Amino acid sequence: MNREEILSKVKTNGEPDEMELSVLIKSLGISTIVIPIMCLIFIIIRLIAGKAVIDDLVAITFAQLFVSELYSYKKCKKKFKLIISIVFLAITLIETIMFLNGVI
């Protein structure tokens, strides 16, 4: 089987090609930056307006950071990534509990 046949077979099977995978990885990387920044902006606006910080926004932000750092640790095996992911997980759990206490 030559290169063209292989490429055509992959495309007909609906599997993403290397370019699509590269774009997906970059888009997820960008969202990993944008989501926490947006949540932090909303938190700062609330603080400036004299409103209470919303625990769910903080929990969402740190949950996203936790997952990103944990995945990074699993792939790179850098101890710092594991430590920071544990810190992010702890903050996520604390904020989630605070959110639930405010709702329940």
N, C-alpha and C. Protein backbone atom coordinates (compact mmCIF):
# COMPACT_ATOMS: atom_id res chain seq x y z
N MET A 1 0.85 -1.17 0.00
CA MET A 1 0.00 0.00 0.00
C MET A 1 0.90 1.24 0.00
N ASN A 2 0.64 2.15 -0.92
CA ASN A 2 1.46 3.35 -0.96
C ASN A 2 0.91 4.44 -0.04
N ARG A 3 1.63 5.52 0.03
CA ARG A 3 1.30 6.62 0.94
C ARG A 3 -0.09 7.19 0.66
N GLU A 4 -0.42 7.38 -0.59
CA GLU A 4 -1.71 7.97 -0.96
C GLU A 4 -2.88 7.07 -0.56
N GLU A 5 -2.71 5.76 -0.74
CA GLU A 5 -3.77 4.83 -0.34
C GLU A 5 -3.99 4.86 1.16
N ILE A 6 -2.89 4.93 1.90
CA ILE A 6 -2.99 4.98 3.36
C ILE A 6 -3.70 6.26 3.79
N LEU A 7 -3.30 7.39 3.22
CA LEU A 7 -3.93 8.66 3.55
C LEU A 7 -5.42 8.67 3.21
N SER A 8 -5.76 8.12 2.05
CA SER A 8 -7.17 8.09 1.66
C SER A 8 -7.97 7.18 2.58
N LYS A 9 -7.38 6.07 3.02
CA LYS A 9 -8.05 5.14 3.92
C LYS A 9 -8.31 5.80 5.28
N VAL A 10 -7.31 6.51 5.78
CA VAL A 10 -7.46 7.20 7.07
C VAL A 10 -8.55 8.25 6.97
N LYS A 11 -8.58 9.00 5.89
CA LYS A 11 -9.58 10.05 5.74
C LYS A 11 -10.99 9.48 5.60
N THR A 12 -11.12 8.33 4.97
CA THR A 12 -12.46 7.74 4.82
C THR A 12 -12.93 7.09 6.12
N ASN A 13 -12.00 6.73 6.99
CA ASN A 13 -12.37 6.15 8.28
C ASN A 13 -12.81 7.21 9.29
N GLY A 14 -12.68 8.45 8.92
CA GLY A 14 -13.12 9.53 9.80
C GLY A 14 -12.13 9.87 10.90
N GLU A 15 -10.94 9.30 10.86
CA GLU A 15 -9.94 9.61 11.87
C GLU A 15 -9.28 10.94 11.52
N PRO A 16 -8.98 11.76 12.54
CA PRO A 16 -8.36 13.06 12.25
C PRO A 16 -6.93 12.88 11.75
N ASP A 17 -6.52 13.76 10.86
CA ASP A 17 -5.14 13.71 10.39
C ASP A 17 -4.24 14.48 11.36
N GLU A 18 -2.95 14.51 11.08
CA GLU A 18 -1.99 15.15 11.98
C GLU A 18 -2.27 16.63 12.16
N MET A 19 -2.69 17.30 11.09
CA MET A 19 -2.98 18.72 11.18
C MET A 19 -4.17 18.97 12.12
N GLU A 20 -5.21 18.17 11.99
CA GLU A 20 -6.37 18.32 12.85
C GLU A 20 -6.01 18.06 14.31
N LEU A 21 -5.18 17.06 14.57
CA LEU A 21 -4.74 16.78 15.93
C LEU A 21 -3.90 17.92 16.49
N SER A 22 -3.04 18.47 15.66
CA SER A 22 -2.21 19.60 16.08
C SER A 22 -3.08 20.82 16.42
N VAL A 23 -4.07 21.08 15.59
CA VAL A 23 -4.98 22.20 15.83
C VAL A 23 -5.78 21.96 17.12
N LEU A 24 -6.24 20.74 17.33
CA LEU A 24 -6.99 20.41 18.54
C LEU A 24 -6.13 20.62 19.78
N ILE A 25 -4.90 20.16 19.75
CA ILE A 25 -4.00 20.31 20.89
C ILE A 25 -3.75 21.78 21.18
N LYS A 26 -3.51 22.58 20.15
CA LYS A 26 -3.28 24.01 20.36
C LYS A 26 -4.53 24.70 20.88
N SER A 27 -5.70 24.32 20.37
CA SER A 27 -6.93 24.96 20.83
C SER A 27 -7.21 24.64 22.29
N LEU A 28 -6.93 23.41 22.70
CA LEU A 28 -7.10 23.04 24.11
C LEU A 28 -6.09 23.79 24.98
N GLY A 29 -4.89 23.98 24.47
CA GLY A 29 -3.89 24.75 25.20
C GLY A 29 -4.32 26.19 25.40
N ILE A 30 -4.91 26.77 24.37
CA ILE A 30 -5.38 28.16 24.47
C ILE A 30 -6.53 28.24 25.47
N SER A 31 -7.44 27.28 25.43
CA SER A 31 -8.56 27.30 26.36
C SER A 31 -8.09 27.11 27.80
N THR A 32 -6.99 26.39 27.97
CA THR A 32 -6.42 26.21 29.30
C THR A 32 -5.94 27.54 29.87
N ILE A 33 -5.60 28.45 29.02
CA ILE A 33 -5.18 29.78 29.46
C ILE A 33 -6.38 30.71 29.58
N VAL A 34 -7.29 30.67 28.63
CA VAL A 34 -8.41 31.61 28.58
C VAL A 34 -9.42 31.40 29.71
N ILE A 35 -9.76 30.16 30.01
CA ILE A 35 -10.79 29.89 31.03
C ILE A 35 -10.40 30.45 32.39
N PRO A 36 -9.20 30.15 32.90
CA PRO A 36 -8.85 30.74 34.20
C PRO A 36 -8.75 32.26 34.17
N ILE A 37 -8.26 32.82 33.07
CA ILE A 37 -8.16 34.27 32.98
C ILE A 37 -9.55 34.90 33.04
N MET A 38 -10.50 34.34 32.30
CA MET A 38 -11.87 34.87 32.33
C MET A 38 -12.46 34.77 33.73
N CYS A 39 -12.30 33.63 34.39
CA CYS A 39 -12.82 33.47 35.74
C CYS A 39 -12.17 34.47 36.69
N LEU A 40 -10.86 34.67 36.57
CA LEU A 40 -10.17 35.63 37.43
C LEU A 40 -10.66 37.06 37.17
N ILE A 41 -10.91 37.40 35.93
CA ILE A 41 -11.45 38.72 35.60
C ILE A 41 -12.80 38.92 36.26
N PHE A 42 -13.66 37.92 36.18
CA PHE A 42 -14.98 38.02 36.83
C PHE A 42 -14.86 38.15 38.34
N ILE A 43 -13.91 37.41 38.92
CA ILE A 43 -13.69 37.49 40.36
C ILE A 43 -13.21 38.89 40.75
N ILE A 44 -12.27 39.44 40.00
CA ILE A 44 -11.75 40.78 40.29
C ILE A 44 -12.85 41.83 40.15
N ILE A 45 -13.67 41.71 39.11
CA ILE A 45 -14.78 42.65 38.93
C ILE A 45 -15.73 42.58 40.13
N ARG A 46 -16.02 41.38 40.59
CA ARG A 46 -16.89 41.22 41.77
C ARG A 46 -16.26 41.85 43.01
N LEU A 47 -14.96 41.67 43.19
CA LEU A 47 -14.28 42.26 44.34
C LEU A 47 -14.32 43.78 44.28
N ILE A 48 -14.07 44.35 43.11
CA ILE A 48 -14.11 45.80 42.93
C ILE A 48 -15.51 46.33 43.17
N ALA A 49 -16.51 45.59 42.74
CA ALA A 49 -17.91 46.01 42.91
C ALA A 49 -18.41 45.78 44.34
N GLY A 50 -17.57 45.19 45.18
CA GLY A 50 -17.96 44.94 46.56
C GLY A 50 -18.87 43.74 46.73
N LYS A 51 -18.92 42.91 45.73
CA LYS A 51 -19.74 41.69 45.81
C LYS A 51 -18.89 40.53 46.33
N ALA A 52 -19.55 39.51 46.79
CA ALA A 52 -18.84 38.33 47.27
C ALA A 52 -18.23 37.57 46.10
N VAL A 53 -17.06 37.00 46.36
CA VAL A 53 -16.43 36.15 45.34
C VAL A 53 -17.25 34.88 45.22
N ILE A 54 -17.50 34.47 44.01
CA ILE A 54 -18.30 33.28 43.76
C ILE A 54 -17.39 32.06 43.84
N ASP A 55 -17.67 31.19 44.80
CA ASP A 55 -16.84 30.01 45.01
C ASP A 55 -16.86 29.06 43.81
N ASP A 56 -17.97 29.02 43.09
CA ASP A 56 -18.03 28.10 41.96
C ASP A 56 -17.06 28.51 40.85
N LEU A 57 -16.89 29.82 40.63
CA LEU A 57 -15.93 30.28 39.62
C LEU A 57 -14.51 29.89 40.01
N VAL A 58 -14.20 30.05 41.28
CA VAL A 58 -12.87 29.68 41.77
C VAL A 58 -12.67 28.17 41.63
N ALA A 59 -13.68 27.39 42.00
CA ALA A 59 -13.59 25.94 41.90
C ALA A 59 -13.41 25.49 40.45
N ILE A 60 -14.16 26.09 39.54
CA ILE A 60 -14.04 25.74 38.12
C ILE A 60 -12.64 26.07 37.60
N THR A 61 -12.15 27.25 37.96
CA THR A 61 -10.82 27.68 37.52
C THR A 61 -9.76 26.70 37.98
N PHE A 62 -9.77 26.38 39.26
CA PHE A 62 -8.73 25.51 39.79
C PHE A 62 -8.92 24.05 39.38
N ALA A 63 -10.14 23.63 39.13
CA ALA A 63 -10.37 22.28 38.62
C ALA A 63 -9.75 22.13 37.23
N GLN A 64 -9.93 23.13 36.41
CA GLN A 64 -9.37 23.10 35.07
C GLN A 64 -7.84 23.10 35.14
N LEU A 65 -7.28 23.92 36.02
CA LEU A 65 -5.83 23.97 36.19
C LEU A 65 -5.30 22.64 36.76
N PHE A 66 -6.05 22.05 37.69
CA PHE A 66 -5.67 20.76 38.27
C PHE A 66 -5.57 19.69 37.20
N VAL A 67 -6.60 19.58 36.38
CA VAL A 67 -6.61 18.54 35.34
C VAL A 67 -5.46 18.75 34.36
N SER A 68 -5.22 19.99 33.99
CA SER A 68 -4.14 20.30 33.06
C SER A 68 -2.78 19.92 33.64
N GLU A 69 -2.54 20.30 34.88
CA GLU A 69 -1.25 19.99 35.52
C GLU A 69 -1.09 18.49 35.77
N LEU A 70 -2.16 17.82 36.15
CA LEU A 70 -2.08 16.38 36.40
C LEU A 70 -1.76 15.63 35.10
N TYR A 71 -2.41 16.02 34.03
CA TYR A 71 -2.14 15.40 32.74
C TYR A 71 -0.68 15.64 32.34
N SER A 72 -0.24 16.87 32.55
CA SER A 72 1.14 17.23 32.24
C SER A 72 2.12 16.39 33.06
N TYR A 73 1.80 16.18 34.33
CA TYR A 73 2.66 15.35 35.19
C TYR A 73 2.70 13.92 34.68
N LYS A 74 1.55 13.37 34.31
CA LYS A 74 1.51 11.97 33.84
C LYS A 74 2.35 11.78 32.58
N LYS A 75 2.40 12.80 31.73
CA LYS A 75 3.17 12.68 30.50
C LYS A 75 4.65 12.99 30.70
N CYS A 76 4.97 13.98 31.56
CA CYS A 76 6.36 14.44 31.71
C CYS A 76 7.07 13.89 32.94
N LYS A 77 6.31 13.41 33.93
CA LYS A 77 6.85 12.86 35.18
C LYS A 77 7.72 13.86 35.94
N LYS A 78 7.35 15.15 35.88
CA LYS A 78 8.06 16.17 36.65
C LYS A 78 7.36 16.34 37.99
N LYS A 79 8.13 16.20 39.07
CA LYS A 79 7.56 16.22 40.41
C LYS A 79 6.83 17.54 40.71
N PHE A 80 7.34 18.65 40.19
CA PHE A 80 6.70 19.95 40.43
C PHE A 80 5.27 19.95 39.89
N LYS A 81 5.06 19.33 38.75
CA LYS A 81 3.72 19.27 38.16
C LYS A 81 2.76 18.52 39.08
N LEU A 82 3.25 17.44 39.71
CA LEU A 82 2.41 16.69 40.64
C LEU A 82 2.08 17.53 41.87
N ILE A 83 3.08 18.21 42.40
CA ILE A 83 2.87 19.05 43.59
C ILE A 83 1.87 20.16 43.30
N ILE A 84 2.04 20.85 42.20
CA ILE A 84 1.13 21.95 41.88
C ILE A 84 -0.27 21.42 41.58
N SER A 85 -0.37 20.24 40.97
CA SER A 85 -1.71 19.68 40.71
C SER A 85 -2.40 19.32 42.02
N ILE A 86 -1.66 18.84 43.01
CA ILE A 86 -2.25 18.53 44.32
C ILE A 86 -2.73 19.80 45.00
N VAL A 87 -1.94 20.87 44.90
CA VAL A 87 -2.36 22.17 45.46
C VAL A 87 -3.64 22.63 44.78
N PHE A 88 -3.69 22.55 43.46
CA PHE A 88 -4.88 22.96 42.73
C PHE A 88 -6.09 22.10 43.10
N LEU A 89 -5.87 20.81 43.30
CA LEU A 89 -6.95 19.93 43.71
C LEU A 89 -7.47 20.33 45.09
N ALA A 90 -6.58 20.64 46.01
CA ALA A 90 -6.99 21.04 47.36
C ALA A 90 -7.83 22.32 47.30
N ILE A 91 -7.40 23.28 46.52
CA ILE A 91 -8.16 24.53 46.39
C ILE A 91 -9.53 24.25 45.76
N THR A 92 -9.54 23.38 44.75
CA THR A 92 -10.80 23.00 44.09
C THR A 92 -11.77 22.39 45.10
N LEU A 93 -11.28 21.47 45.93
CA LEU A 93 -12.14 20.81 46.91
C LEU A 93 -12.64 21.80 47.96
N ILE A 94 -11.76 22.66 48.45
CA ILE A 94 -12.16 23.66 49.45
C ILE A 94 -13.24 24.58 48.89
N GLU A 95 -13.01 25.10 47.70
CA GLU A 95 -13.97 26.02 47.08
C GLU A 95 -15.29 25.32 46.75
N THR A 96 -15.22 24.06 46.35
CA THR A 96 -16.45 23.31 46.07
C THR A 96 -17.26 23.11 47.35
N ILE A 97 -16.58 22.79 48.43
CA ILE A 97 -17.26 22.64 49.72
C ILE A 97 -17.88 23.96 50.16
N MET A 98 -17.12 25.06 49.99
CA MET A 98 -17.66 26.37 50.35
C MET A 98 -18.88 26.72 49.50
N PHE A 99 -18.83 26.39 48.22
CA PHE A 99 -19.97 26.63 47.33
C PHE A 99 -21.18 25.82 47.79
N LEU A 100 -20.95 24.53 48.06
CA LEU A 100 -22.07 23.68 48.49
C LEU A 100 -22.65 24.13 49.82
N ASN A 101 -21.81 24.58 50.74
CA ASN A 101 -22.32 25.10 52.02
C ASN A 101 -23.17 26.35 51.82
N GLY A 102 -22.84 27.15 50.83
CA GLY A 102 -23.63 28.35 50.55
C GLY A 102 -24.95 28.05 49.86
N VAL A 103 -25.00 26.94 49.15
CA VAL A 103 -26.21 26.59 48.39
C VAL A 103 -27.15 25.73 49.21
N ILE A 104 -26.59 24.84 50.00
CA ILE A 104 -27.42 23.89 50.75
C ILE A 104 -27.90 24.50 52.07
